[in-house]
Amino acid sequence: MESISLLLGEALSPYQVTLTPSGAQGECLVTLKSTSGATVVERTFNHDQLTDKRLLTDVVDGLHRDVLIAEGRLEPCVIAALRNAAQDKILASRN
């Protein structure tokens, strides 16, 4: 778990990343703190999400998005619009 913490720390710099076991089935609480020590984001992930390389990439992307929202640099409605546009492209390519 220490290597995962280091990877997340590098990917999410300058935020301090803390991993804490949080569930009976191997869940882990990931906490991001600002340089001043304030908690910016806390999310729980299952063990598989943190040990599979592809899933870990999704975790990092999601945490980046959550940080942008928490800091007011991205509105949730923008994310919804982007998801709808991506879904439309997928549906259009299947036809």
N, C-alpha and C. Protein backbone atom coordinates (compact mmCIF):
# COMPACT_ATOMS: atom_id res chain seq x y z
N MET A 1 0.82 -1.20 0.00
CA MET A 1 0.00 0.00 0.00
C MET A 1 0.87 1.26 0.00
N GLU A 2 2.09 1.13 0.50
CA GLU A 2 2.98 2.28 0.54
C GLU A 2 3.34 2.75 -0.86
N SER A 3 3.55 1.80 -1.79
CA SER A 3 3.89 2.18 -3.16
C SER A 3 2.72 2.88 -3.84
N ILE A 4 1.50 2.46 -3.53
CA ILE A 4 0.31 3.12 -4.08
C ILE A 4 0.23 4.54 -3.55
N SER A 5 0.52 4.71 -2.26
CA SER A 5 0.50 6.03 -1.65
C SER A 5 1.52 6.95 -2.33
N LEU A 6 2.71 6.41 -2.61
CA LEU A 6 3.74 7.21 -3.29
C LEU A 6 3.30 7.59 -4.70
N LEU A 7 2.71 6.63 -5.44
CA LEU A 7 2.22 6.93 -6.79
C LEU A 7 1.15 8.01 -6.77
N LEU A 8 0.20 7.88 -5.85
CA LEU A 8 -0.86 8.89 -5.74
C LEU A 8 -0.28 10.23 -5.34
N GLY A 9 0.69 10.22 -4.43
CA GLY A 9 1.33 11.46 -4.00
C GLY A 9 2.00 12.20 -5.15
N GLU A 10 2.67 11.43 -6.01
CA GLU A 10 3.32 12.04 -7.18
C GLU A 10 2.29 12.57 -8.17
N ALA A 11 1.25 11.78 -8.42
CA ALA A 11 0.25 12.16 -9.41
C ALA A 11 -0.60 13.34 -8.95
N LEU A 12 -0.77 13.49 -7.65
CA LEU A 12 -1.67 14.52 -7.12
C LEU A 12 -0.94 15.65 -6.42
N SER A 13 0.34 15.77 -6.66
CA SER A 13 1.12 16.85 -6.07
C SER A 13 0.53 18.19 -6.49
N PRO A 14 0.43 19.16 -5.67
CA PRO A 14 1.08 19.40 -4.39
C PRO A 14 0.26 18.93 -3.18
N TYR A 15 -0.81 18.18 -3.40
CA TYR A 15 -1.65 17.74 -2.30
C TYR A 15 -0.99 16.60 -1.54
N GLN A 16 -1.18 16.59 -0.22
CA GLN A 16 -0.69 15.49 0.61
C GLN A 16 -1.74 14.39 0.56
N VAL A 17 -1.31 13.17 0.21
CA VAL A 17 -2.22 12.04 0.07
C VAL A 17 -2.03 11.09 1.25
N THR A 18 -3.16 10.72 1.88
CA THR A 18 -3.14 9.76 2.98
C THR A 18 -4.09 8.63 2.64
N LEU A 19 -3.63 7.39 2.79
CA LEU A 19 -4.48 6.21 2.60
C LEU A 19 -4.71 5.58 3.96
N THR A 20 -5.98 5.32 4.27
CA THR A 20 -6.35 4.73 5.55
C THR A 20 -7.32 3.59 5.30
N PRO A 21 -7.04 2.40 5.85
CA PRO A 21 -8.01 1.30 5.71
C PRO A 21 -9.35 1.74 6.32
N SER A 22 -10.46 1.41 5.61
CA SER A 22 -11.73 1.93 6.10
C SER A 22 -12.90 0.95 5.99
N GLY A 23 -12.64 -0.29 5.71
CA GLY A 23 -13.75 -1.21 5.58
C GLY A 23 -13.35 -2.66 5.77
N ALA A 24 -14.34 -3.48 6.01
CA ALA A 24 -14.11 -4.90 6.25
C ALA A 24 -13.72 -5.65 4.98
N GLN A 25 -14.00 -5.08 3.82
CA GLN A 25 -13.71 -5.75 2.55
C GLN A 25 -12.53 -5.12 1.81
N GLY A 26 -11.63 -4.49 2.53
CA GLY A 26 -10.43 -3.93 1.94
C GLY A 26 -10.57 -2.53 1.39
N GLU A 27 -11.65 -1.84 1.72
CA GLU A 27 -11.80 -0.47 1.24
C GLU A 27 -10.71 0.41 1.86
N CYS A 28 -10.43 1.50 1.18
CA CYS A 28 -9.39 2.41 1.64
C CYS A 28 -9.89 3.85 1.46
N LEU A 29 -9.74 4.64 2.50
CA LEU A 29 -10.10 6.05 2.45
C LEU A 29 -8.89 6.83 1.95
N VAL A 30 -9.07 7.57 0.88
CA VAL A 30 -8.01 8.42 0.33
C VAL A 30 -8.37 9.86 0.68
N THR A 31 -7.44 10.51 1.37
CA THR A 31 -7.65 11.90 1.79
C THR A 31 -6.60 12.78 1.12
N LEU A 32 -7.06 13.86 0.52
CA LEU A 32 -6.15 14.85 -0.07
C LEU A 32 -6.22 16.10 0.78
N LYS A 33 -5.05 16.58 1.20
CA LYS A 33 -4.97 17.80 1.99
C LYS A 33 -4.14 18.83 1.25
N SER A 34 -4.53 20.08 1.42
CA SER A 34 -3.79 21.17 0.81
C SER A 34 -2.47 21.39 1.56
N THR A 35 -1.65 22.27 1.03
CA THR A 35 -0.37 22.55 1.68
C THR A 35 -0.57 23.18 3.06
N SER A 36 -1.74 23.77 3.28
CA SER A 36 -2.03 24.36 4.59
C SER A 36 -2.60 23.33 5.57
N GLY A 37 -2.84 22.10 5.09
CA GLY A 37 -3.34 21.04 5.96
C GLY A 37 -4.85 20.86 5.94
N ALA A 38 -5.54 21.66 5.15
CA ALA A 38 -7.00 21.55 5.06
C ALA A 38 -7.38 20.37 4.16
N THR A 39 -8.36 19.60 4.59
CA THR A 39 -8.84 18.49 3.77
C THR A 39 -9.61 19.04 2.58
N VAL A 40 -9.19 18.63 1.38
CA VAL A 40 -9.81 19.09 0.15
C VAL A 40 -10.80 18.05 -0.37
N VAL A 41 -10.38 16.77 -0.36
CA VAL A 41 -11.21 15.68 -0.88
C VAL A 41 -10.97 14.44 -0.03
N GLU A 42 -12.06 13.72 0.25
CA GLU A 42 -11.97 12.40 0.86
C GLU A 42 -12.87 11.46 0.08
N ARG A 43 -12.31 10.34 -0.35
CA ARG A 43 -13.10 9.35 -1.08
C ARG A 43 -12.66 7.95 -0.69
N THR A 44 -13.61 7.03 -0.71
CA THR A 44 -13.32 5.64 -0.40
C THR A 44 -13.28 4.83 -1.69
N PHE A 45 -12.26 3.99 -1.80
CA PHE A 45 -12.08 3.13 -2.97
C PHE A 45 -11.91 1.69 -2.50
N ASN A 46 -12.29 0.74 -3.36
CA ASN A 46 -12.02 -0.64 -3.00
C ASN A 46 -10.59 -1.00 -3.40
N HIS A 47 -10.11 -2.08 -2.86
CA HIS A 47 -8.71 -2.49 -3.05
C HIS A 47 -8.36 -2.67 -4.53
N ASP A 48 -9.28 -3.24 -5.30
CA ASP A 48 -9.01 -3.48 -6.73
C ASP A 48 -8.75 -2.19 -7.49
N GLN A 49 -9.46 -1.13 -7.14
CA GLN A 49 -9.27 0.15 -7.82
C GLN A 49 -7.88 0.71 -7.59
N LEU A 50 -7.27 0.36 -6.48
CA LEU A 50 -5.96 0.91 -6.15
C LEU A 50 -4.81 0.00 -6.58
N THR A 51 -5.10 -1.25 -6.93
CA THR A 51 -4.03 -2.17 -7.30
C THR A 51 -3.96 -2.45 -8.80
N ASP A 52 -5.05 -2.22 -9.53
CA ASP A 52 -5.06 -2.41 -10.97
C ASP A 52 -4.62 -1.11 -11.64
N LYS A 53 -3.63 -1.20 -12.52
CA LYS A 53 -3.05 0.01 -13.13
C LYS A 53 -4.09 0.85 -13.88
N ARG A 54 -4.96 0.20 -14.66
CA ARG A 54 -5.97 0.95 -15.41
C ARG A 54 -6.97 1.61 -14.47
N LEU A 55 -7.38 0.87 -13.44
CA LEU A 55 -8.35 1.43 -12.50
C LEU A 55 -7.72 2.55 -11.67
N LEU A 56 -6.43 2.41 -11.36
CA LEU A 56 -5.75 3.46 -10.60
C LEU A 56 -5.69 4.76 -11.40
N THR A 57 -5.54 4.64 -12.71
CA THR A 57 -5.57 5.82 -13.58
C THR A 57 -6.92 6.52 -13.47
N ASP A 58 -8.00 5.73 -13.45
CA ASP A 58 -9.34 6.30 -13.28
C ASP A 58 -9.50 6.97 -11.92
N VAL A 59 -8.90 6.36 -10.89
CA VAL A 59 -8.95 6.94 -9.54
C VAL A 59 -8.29 8.32 -9.55
N VAL A 60 -7.10 8.40 -10.14
CA VAL A 60 -6.37 9.67 -10.19
C VAL A 60 -7.17 10.72 -10.98
N ASP A 61 -7.72 10.31 -12.12
CA ASP A 61 -8.53 11.25 -12.91
C ASP A 61 -9.73 11.75 -12.11
N GLY A 62 -10.39 10.84 -11.41
CA GLY A 62 -11.54 11.22 -10.59
C GLY A 62 -11.15 12.16 -9.45
N LEU A 63 -10.01 11.90 -8.82
CA LEU A 63 -9.55 12.77 -7.74
C LEU A 63 -9.17 14.15 -8.27
N HIS A 64 -8.54 14.19 -9.45
CA HIS A 64 -8.23 15.50 -10.07
C HIS A 64 -9.53 16.28 -10.29
N ARG A 65 -10.54 15.61 -10.84
CA ARG A 65 -11.83 16.26 -11.08
C ARG A 65 -12.44 16.74 -9.76
N ASP A 66 -12.39 15.91 -8.73
CA ASP A 66 -12.96 16.29 -7.43
C ASP A 66 -12.24 17.49 -6.83
N VAL A 67 -10.93 17.56 -7.02
CA VAL A 67 -10.17 18.71 -6.52
C VAL A 67 -10.60 19.97 -7.25
N LEU A 68 -10.75 19.88 -8.57
CA LEU A 68 -11.19 21.05 -9.35
C LEU A 68 -12.56 21.54 -8.88
N ILE A 69 -13.46 20.60 -8.61
CA ILE A 69 -14.79 20.97 -8.12
C ILE A 69 -14.69 21.57 -6.73
N ALA A 70 -13.93 20.94 -5.84
CA ALA A 70 -13.80 21.42 -4.46
C ALA A 70 -13.21 22.82 -4.40
N GLU A 71 -12.32 23.11 -5.32
CA GLU A 71 -11.68 24.43 -5.34
C GLU A 71 -12.47 25.45 -6.17
N GLY A 72 -13.59 25.03 -6.71
CA GLY A 72 -14.42 25.95 -7.48
C GLY A 72 -13.90 26.25 -8.87
N ARG A 73 -13.00 25.42 -9.37
CA ARG A 73 -12.45 25.66 -10.71
C ARG A 73 -13.20 24.90 -11.79
N LEU A 74 -14.15 24.04 -11.38
CA LEU A 74 -14.95 23.28 -12.33
C LEU A 74 -16.31 23.04 -11.71
N GLU A 75 -17.35 23.33 -12.44
CA GLU A 75 -18.71 23.15 -11.95
C GLU A 75 -19.21 21.75 -12.31
N PRO A 76 -19.92 21.10 -11.41
CA PRO A 76 -20.45 19.76 -11.69
C PRO A 76 -21.29 19.70 -12.96
N CYS A 77 -22.00 20.78 -13.29
CA CYS A 77 -22.83 20.77 -14.50
C CYS A 77 -21.97 20.68 -15.76
N VAL A 78 -20.74 21.19 -15.71
CA VAL A 78 -19.83 21.09 -16.85
C VAL A 78 -19.45 19.63 -17.06
N ILE A 79 -19.22 18.92 -15.98
CA ILE A 79 -18.88 17.51 -16.07
C ILE A 79 -20.03 16.73 -16.69
N ALA A 80 -21.25 17.02 -16.25
CA ALA A 80 -22.42 16.35 -16.80
C ALA A 80 -22.54 16.61 -18.30
N ALA A 81 -22.30 17.84 -18.71
CA ALA A 81 -22.37 18.18 -20.13
C ALA A 81 -21.30 17.44 -20.93
N LEU A 82 -20.08 17.35 -20.38
CA LEU A 82 -19.01 16.63 -21.07
C LEU A 82 -19.32 15.15 -21.19
N ARG A 83 -19.89 14.56 -20.14
CA ARG A 83 -20.26 13.15 -20.17
C ARG A 83 -21.34 12.90 -21.22
N ASN A 84 -22.33 13.78 -21.28
CA ASN A 84 -23.39 13.62 -22.28
C ASN A 84 -22.84 13.73 -23.69
N ALA A 85 -21.93 14.66 -23.91
CA ALA A 85 -21.33 14.81 -25.24
C ALA A 85 -20.53 13.57 -25.62
N ALA A 86 -19.78 13.01 -24.65
CA ALA A 86 -19.01 11.81 -24.92
C ALA A 86 -19.93 10.63 -25.21
N GLN A 87 -21.01 10.52 -24.47
CA GLN A 87 -21.97 9.43 -24.68
C GLN A 87 -22.62 9.56 -26.06
N ASP A 88 -22.95 10.78 -26.46
CA ASP A 88 -23.51 11.01 -27.78
C ASP A 88 -22.56 10.55 -28.89
N LYS A 89 -21.26 10.82 -28.70
CA LYS A 89 -20.27 10.41 -29.69
C LYS A 89 -20.20 8.89 -29.79
N ILE A 90 -20.25 8.23 -28.65
CA ILE A 90 -20.19 6.77 -28.64
C ILE A 90 -21.40 6.19 -29.36
N LEU A 91 -22.57 6.72 -29.05
CA LEU A 91 -23.79 6.24 -29.69
C LEU A 91 -23.77 6.50 -31.19
N ALA A 92 -23.28 7.66 -31.60
CA ALA A 92 -23.22 8.01 -33.02
C ALA A 92 -22.26 7.10 -33.78
N SER A 93 -21.15 6.71 -33.13
CA SER A 93 -20.16 5.86 -33.81
C SER A 93 -20.67 4.43 -33.97
N ARG A 94 -21.63 4.01 -33.17
CA ARG A 94 -22.19 2.67 -33.28
C ARG A 94 -23.21 2.56 -34.40
N ASN A 95 -23.75 3.68 -34.83
CA ASN A 95 -24.78 3.66 -35.88
C ASN A 95 -24.18 3.74 -37.24
